[in-house]
Amino acid sequence: MMKLHSTMCLDGVWRGRAGQAGELLVATGRVWLTRDGDLADHVLAAGDRLRLAAGDRITLEPWAPGRAPVLLWQVPEHLHGLRAVLGAGARLLAARLERAARRLQAWAGELSAA
């Protein structure tokens, strides 16, 4: 099961990196895509999908000048949930580190006053 992550209207050349594994879906139009390390270029039309691994660097360009295709970036549902869990864990860790930092500052103040 895939979950929509973001939508992009491609009106020119775009170069970027997949932050996480997912699928690029062409919703409308046609797009030319090249992926670093991939010897084949890809021409994707409406309805076509291409799986990308986390870290893949790609270059996208509309196939026909003046016709901006619409692209959807989709992330597998299990990865979307994992991202939320990791975000919650990071927030919890940050709160604990802030409390520890306040304690250390108080302790340092006590030591310098002594």
N, C-alpha and C. Protein backbone atom coordinates (compact mmCIF):
# COMPACT_ATOMS: atom_id res chain seq x y z
N MET A 1 0.84 -1.18 0.00
CA MET A 1 0.00 0.00 0.00
C MET A 1 0.89 1.24 0.00
N MET A 2 0.61 2.16 -0.92
CA MET A 2 1.39 3.39 -1.03
C MET A 2 0.57 4.57 -0.51
N LYS A 3 1.25 5.53 0.05
CA LYS A 3 0.61 6.73 0.56
C LYS A 3 1.22 7.94 -0.14
N LEU A 4 0.37 8.87 -0.56
CA LEU A 4 0.84 10.08 -1.22
C LEU A 4 1.68 10.89 -0.26
N HIS A 5 2.83 11.31 -0.71
CA HIS A 5 3.72 12.12 0.12
C HIS A 5 3.78 13.55 -0.39
N SER A 6 3.90 13.72 -1.72
CA SER A 6 3.93 15.08 -2.27
C SER A 6 3.63 15.06 -3.77
N THR A 7 3.27 16.23 -4.26
CA THR A 7 2.93 16.42 -5.67
C THR A 7 3.82 17.53 -6.22
N MET A 8 4.22 17.40 -7.49
CA MET A 8 5.07 18.41 -8.11
C MET A 8 4.65 18.61 -9.56
N CYS A 9 4.52 19.85 -9.96
CA CYS A 9 4.30 20.20 -11.36
C CYS A 9 5.66 20.56 -11.93
N LEU A 10 6.14 19.76 -12.87
CA LEU A 10 7.50 19.90 -13.38
C LEU A 10 7.51 20.85 -14.58
N ASP A 11 7.93 22.11 -14.34
CA ASP A 11 7.93 23.08 -15.42
C ASP A 11 9.32 23.37 -15.97
N GLY A 12 10.29 22.58 -15.59
CA GLY A 12 11.66 22.72 -16.08
C GLY A 12 12.51 21.58 -15.55
N VAL A 13 13.80 21.68 -15.74
CA VAL A 13 14.71 20.63 -15.27
C VAL A 13 14.76 20.67 -13.74
N TRP A 14 14.70 19.50 -13.14
CA TRP A 14 14.78 19.37 -11.68
C TRP A 14 15.80 18.29 -11.36
N ARG A 15 16.70 18.59 -10.43
CA ARG A 15 17.70 17.62 -9.98
C ARG A 15 17.57 17.50 -8.48
N GLY A 16 17.53 16.27 -8.01
CA GLY A 16 17.38 16.08 -6.57
C GLY A 16 17.69 14.66 -6.16
N ARG A 17 17.39 14.37 -4.90
CA ARG A 17 17.71 13.08 -4.29
C ARG A 17 16.48 12.58 -3.56
N ALA A 18 16.24 11.28 -3.65
CA ALA A 18 15.15 10.65 -2.91
C ALA A 18 15.57 10.56 -1.44
N GLY A 19 14.84 11.23 -0.58
CA GLY A 19 15.15 11.21 0.84
C GLY A 19 14.84 9.87 1.49
N GLN A 20 13.93 9.13 0.88
CA GLN A 20 13.57 7.81 1.36
C GLN A 20 13.07 6.99 0.18
N ALA A 21 12.99 5.70 0.36
CA ALA A 21 12.52 4.82 -0.71
C ALA A 21 11.07 5.14 -1.03
N GLY A 22 10.72 5.03 -2.30
CA GLY A 22 9.34 5.29 -2.71
C GLY A 22 9.19 5.11 -4.21
N GLU A 23 8.05 5.58 -4.71
CA GLU A 23 7.77 5.49 -6.14
C GLU A 23 7.43 6.86 -6.69
N LEU A 24 7.96 7.14 -7.86
CA LEU A 24 7.61 8.34 -8.59
C LEU A 24 6.55 7.94 -9.60
N LEU A 25 5.39 8.57 -9.53
CA LEU A 25 4.27 8.28 -10.42
C LEU A 25 4.02 9.50 -11.30
N VAL A 26 3.93 9.28 -12.61
CA VAL A 26 3.59 10.36 -13.53
C VAL A 26 2.07 10.41 -13.61
N ALA A 27 1.48 11.50 -13.11
CA ALA A 27 0.02 11.64 -13.10
C ALA A 27 -0.48 12.14 -14.46
N THR A 28 0.20 13.13 -15.01
CA THR A 28 -0.17 13.66 -16.33
C THR A 28 1.10 13.95 -17.12
N GLY A 29 0.99 13.91 -18.43
CA GLY A 29 2.11 14.27 -19.30
C GLY A 29 3.14 13.16 -19.43
N ARG A 30 4.33 13.59 -19.81
CA ARG A 30 5.43 12.66 -20.04
C ARG A 30 6.70 13.33 -19.52
N VAL A 31 7.59 12.51 -18.95
CA VAL A 31 8.80 13.05 -18.34
C VAL A 31 10.00 12.20 -18.74
N TRP A 32 11.13 12.86 -18.89
CA TRP A 32 12.41 12.18 -19.11
C TRP A 32 13.11 12.14 -17.77
N LEU A 33 13.66 10.99 -17.40
CA LEU A 33 14.32 10.83 -16.11
C LEU A 33 15.63 10.08 -16.30
N THR A 34 16.66 10.55 -15.63
CA THR A 34 17.92 9.81 -15.56
C THR A 34 18.30 9.71 -14.09
N ARG A 35 18.87 8.57 -13.75
CA ARG A 35 19.27 8.30 -12.37
C ARG A 35 20.77 8.07 -12.35
N ASP A 36 21.48 8.73 -11.44
CA ASP A 36 22.92 8.53 -11.32
C ASP A 36 23.22 7.05 -11.14
N GLY A 37 24.18 6.54 -11.91
CA GLY A 37 24.57 5.14 -11.80
C GLY A 37 23.74 4.19 -12.64
N ASP A 38 22.67 4.70 -13.25
CA ASP A 38 21.79 3.88 -14.09
C ASP A 38 22.14 4.19 -15.55
N LEU A 39 22.54 3.18 -16.30
CA LEU A 39 22.95 3.40 -17.68
C LEU A 39 21.79 3.75 -18.60
N ALA A 40 20.57 3.42 -18.19
CA ALA A 40 19.39 3.68 -19.02
C ALA A 40 18.72 4.98 -18.61
N ASP A 41 18.29 5.75 -19.61
CA ASP A 41 17.41 6.88 -19.36
C ASP A 41 15.98 6.33 -19.40
N HIS A 42 15.07 7.03 -18.76
CA HIS A 42 13.69 6.57 -18.70
C HIS A 42 12.77 7.66 -19.23
N VAL A 43 11.84 7.29 -20.08
CA VAL A 43 10.77 8.17 -20.52
C VAL A 43 9.50 7.59 -19.94
N LEU A 44 8.89 8.35 -19.05
CA LEU A 44 7.70 7.88 -18.33
C LEU A 44 6.49 8.70 -18.77
N ALA A 45 5.40 8.01 -19.06
CA ALA A 45 4.15 8.65 -19.46
C ALA A 45 3.15 8.55 -18.32
N ALA A 46 2.03 9.25 -18.47
CA ALA A 46 0.98 9.23 -17.45
C ALA A 46 0.64 7.79 -17.08
N GLY A 47 0.65 7.52 -15.78
CA GLY A 47 0.36 6.18 -15.27
C GLY A 47 1.59 5.35 -14.99
N ASP A 48 2.74 5.74 -15.54
CA ASP A 48 3.98 4.99 -15.30
C ASP A 48 4.54 5.32 -13.92
N ARG A 49 5.21 4.32 -13.35
CA ARG A 49 5.84 4.46 -12.03
C ARG A 49 7.28 4.01 -12.12
N LEU A 50 8.11 4.59 -11.27
CA LEU A 50 9.50 4.15 -11.15
C LEU A 50 9.86 4.13 -9.68
N ARG A 51 10.30 2.97 -9.21
CA ARG A 51 10.74 2.86 -7.81
C ARG A 51 12.12 3.47 -7.65
N LEU A 52 12.28 4.20 -6.56
CA LEU A 52 13.56 4.81 -6.24
C LEU A 52 13.97 4.40 -4.84
N ALA A 53 15.24 4.16 -4.67
CA ALA A 53 15.79 3.82 -3.35
C ALA A 53 16.17 5.10 -2.63
N ALA A 54 16.20 5.06 -1.32
CA ALA A 54 16.65 6.21 -0.54
C ALA A 54 18.05 6.58 -1.01
N GLY A 55 18.26 7.86 -1.28
CA GLY A 55 19.56 8.34 -1.71
C GLY A 55 19.74 8.41 -3.21
N ASP A 56 18.83 7.82 -4.00
CA ASP A 56 18.96 7.90 -5.46
C ASP A 56 18.95 9.36 -5.91
N ARG A 57 19.91 9.71 -6.75
CA ARG A 57 19.96 11.06 -7.33
C ARG A 57 19.38 10.98 -8.73
N ILE A 58 18.42 11.86 -9.00
CA ILE A 58 17.76 11.83 -10.30
C ILE A 58 17.70 13.22 -10.92
N THR A 59 17.57 13.22 -12.24
CA THR A 59 17.31 14.44 -12.99
C THR A 59 16.02 14.20 -13.77
N LEU A 60 15.10 15.16 -13.66
CA LEU A 60 13.81 15.09 -14.34
C LEU A 60 13.67 16.27 -15.29
N GLU A 61 13.00 16.02 -16.40
CA GLU A 61 12.75 17.10 -17.36
C GLU A 61 11.47 16.77 -18.12
N PRO A 62 10.63 17.78 -18.37
CA PRO A 62 9.44 17.51 -19.19
C PRO A 62 9.87 16.99 -20.56
N TRP A 63 9.16 16.01 -21.09
CA TRP A 63 9.49 15.44 -22.39
C TRP A 63 9.22 16.45 -23.50
N ALA A 64 8.11 17.17 -23.38
CA ALA A 64 7.74 18.17 -24.39
C ALA A 64 7.86 19.57 -23.78
N PRO A 65 8.65 20.45 -24.42
CA PRO A 65 8.79 21.81 -23.90
C PRO A 65 7.42 22.50 -23.80
N GLY A 66 7.22 23.21 -22.70
CA GLY A 66 5.98 23.95 -22.52
C GLY A 66 4.83 23.12 -21.97
N ARG A 67 5.04 21.84 -21.77
CA ARG A 67 3.99 20.97 -21.22
C ARG A 67 4.50 20.40 -19.89
N ALA A 68 4.02 20.96 -18.81
CA ALA A 68 4.50 20.59 -17.48
C ALA A 68 3.76 19.36 -16.96
N PRO A 69 4.44 18.22 -16.86
CA PRO A 69 3.79 17.03 -16.29
C PRO A 69 3.60 17.19 -14.79
N VAL A 70 2.64 16.46 -14.25
CA VAL A 70 2.40 16.43 -12.81
C VAL A 70 2.91 15.09 -12.28
N LEU A 71 3.74 15.16 -11.25
CA LEU A 71 4.35 13.97 -10.67
C LEU A 71 3.89 13.81 -9.23
N LEU A 72 3.75 12.56 -8.82
CA LEU A 72 3.41 12.25 -7.42
C LEU A 72 4.54 11.43 -6.84
N TRP A 73 4.95 11.77 -5.64
CA TRP A 73 5.95 10.98 -4.92
C TRP A 73 5.19 10.19 -3.87
N GLN A 74 5.30 8.88 -3.92
CA GLN A 74 4.58 8.02 -2.99
C GLN A 74 5.56 7.20 -2.17
N VAL A 75 5.23 7.05 -0.89
CA VAL A 75 6.07 6.31 0.05
C VAL A 75 5.27 5.12 0.55
N PRO A 76 5.88 3.93 0.63
CA PRO A 76 5.15 2.78 1.18
C PRO A 76 4.59 3.10 2.56
N GLU A 77 3.38 2.65 2.81
CA GLU A 77 2.68 2.93 4.07
C GLU A 77 3.53 2.58 5.29
N HIS A 78 4.22 1.44 5.26
CA HIS A 78 5.02 1.04 6.43
C HIS A 78 6.17 2.00 6.67
N LEU A 79 6.73 2.61 5.62
CA LEU A 79 7.81 3.58 5.81
C LEU A 79 7.26 4.91 6.32
N HIS A 80 6.05 5.26 5.89
CA HIS A 80 5.43 6.50 6.35
C HIS A 80 5.19 6.41 7.86
N GLY A 81 4.69 5.25 8.33
CA GLY A 81 4.47 5.05 9.76
C GLY A 81 5.78 5.04 10.53
N LEU A 82 6.82 4.44 9.96
CA LEU A 82 8.13 4.40 10.60
C LEU A 82 8.67 5.81 10.77
N ARG A 83 8.48 6.65 9.77
CA ARG A 83 8.94 8.03 9.85
C ARG A 83 8.28 8.76 11.02
N ALA A 84 6.98 8.53 11.23
CA ALA A 84 6.26 9.17 12.33
C ALA A 84 6.81 8.68 13.67
N VAL A 85 7.07 7.39 13.77
CA VAL A 85 7.61 6.82 15.02
C VAL A 85 8.99 7.40 15.30
N LEU A 86 9.83 7.46 14.28
CA LEU A 86 11.17 8.02 14.47
C LEU A 86 11.11 9.49 14.86
N GLY A 87 10.17 10.23 14.27
CA GLY A 87 10.01 11.65 14.62
C GLY A 87 9.61 11.81 16.08
N ALA A 88 8.68 10.96 16.55
CA ALA A 88 8.26 11.02 17.95
C ALA A 88 9.42 10.68 18.87
N GLY A 89 10.21 9.68 18.50
CA GLY A 89 11.37 9.31 19.29
C GLY A 89 12.40 10.43 19.35
N ALA A 90 12.59 11.10 18.23
CA ALA A 90 13.55 12.22 18.19
C ALA A 90 13.08 13.37 19.08
N ARG A 91 11.77 13.65 19.07
CA ARG A 91 11.24 14.71 19.93
C ARG A 91 11.40 14.36 21.41
N LEU A 92 11.15 13.11 21.75
CA LEU A 92 11.31 12.66 23.14
C LEU A 92 12.77 12.79 23.57
N LEU A 93 13.69 12.35 22.72
CA LEU A 93 15.11 12.45 23.02
C LEU A 93 15.53 13.91 23.19
N ALA A 94 15.03 14.79 22.33
CA ALA A 94 15.37 16.21 22.42
C ALA A 94 14.89 16.79 23.75
N ALA A 95 13.70 16.43 24.19
CA ALA A 95 13.17 16.93 25.47
C ALA A 95 14.04 16.46 26.63
N ARG A 96 14.45 15.20 26.59
CA ARG A 96 15.30 14.68 27.68
C ARG A 96 16.67 15.35 27.67
N LEU A 97 17.22 15.60 26.48
CA LEU A 97 18.51 16.27 26.40
C LEU A 97 18.43 17.71 26.90
N GLU A 98 17.31 18.38 26.62
CA GLU A 98 17.12 19.74 27.13
C GLU A 98 17.08 19.75 28.65
N ARG A 99 16.37 18.79 29.26
CA ARG A 99 16.33 18.70 30.73
C ARG A 99 17.72 18.44 31.29
N ALA A 100 18.47 17.53 30.66
CA ALA A 100 19.82 17.22 31.12
C ALA A 100 20.71 18.46 31.00
N ALA A 101 20.55 19.22 29.93
CA ALA A 101 21.36 20.44 29.74
C ALA A 101 21.04 21.46 30.84
N ARG A 102 19.75 21.62 31.20
CA ARG A 102 19.39 22.55 32.27
C ARG A 102 20.01 22.12 33.60
N ARG A 103 20.00 20.79 33.86
CA ARG A 103 20.61 20.29 35.10
C ARG A 103 22.11 20.56 35.11
N LEU A 104 22.76 20.33 33.99
CA LEU A 104 24.21 20.58 33.91
C LEU A 104 24.53 22.06 34.11
N GLN A 105 23.70 22.94 33.53
CA GLN A 105 23.92 24.38 33.71
C GLN A 105 23.75 24.78 35.17
N ALA A 106 22.75 24.22 35.82
CA ALA A 106 22.54 24.52 37.24
C ALA A 106 23.70 24.02 38.07
N TRP A 107 24.16 22.83 37.77
CA TRP A 107 25.29 22.24 38.50
C TRP A 107 26.56 23.08 38.28
N ALA A 108 26.78 23.52 37.03
CA ALA A 108 27.95 24.35 36.75
C ALA A 108 27.86 25.67 37.49
N GLY A 109 26.66 26.23 37.61
CA GLY A 109 26.47 27.47 38.37
C GLY A 109 26.77 27.28 39.84
N GLU A 110 26.36 26.14 40.39
CA GLU A 110 26.64 25.85 41.81
C GLU A 110 28.14 25.70 42.04
N LEU A 111 28.83 25.01 41.11
CA LEU A 111 30.29 24.81 41.24
C LEU A 111 31.04 26.14 41.16
N SER A 112 30.61 27.01 40.26
CA SER A 112 31.34 28.29 40.11
C SER A 112 31.05 29.22 41.28
N ALA A 113 29.90 29.06 41.94
CA ALA A 113 29.56 29.89 43.10
C ALA A 113 30.30 29.43 44.35
N ALA A 114 30.74 28.18 44.36
CA ALA A 114 31.39 27.64 45.56
C ALA A 114 32.82 28.08 45.70
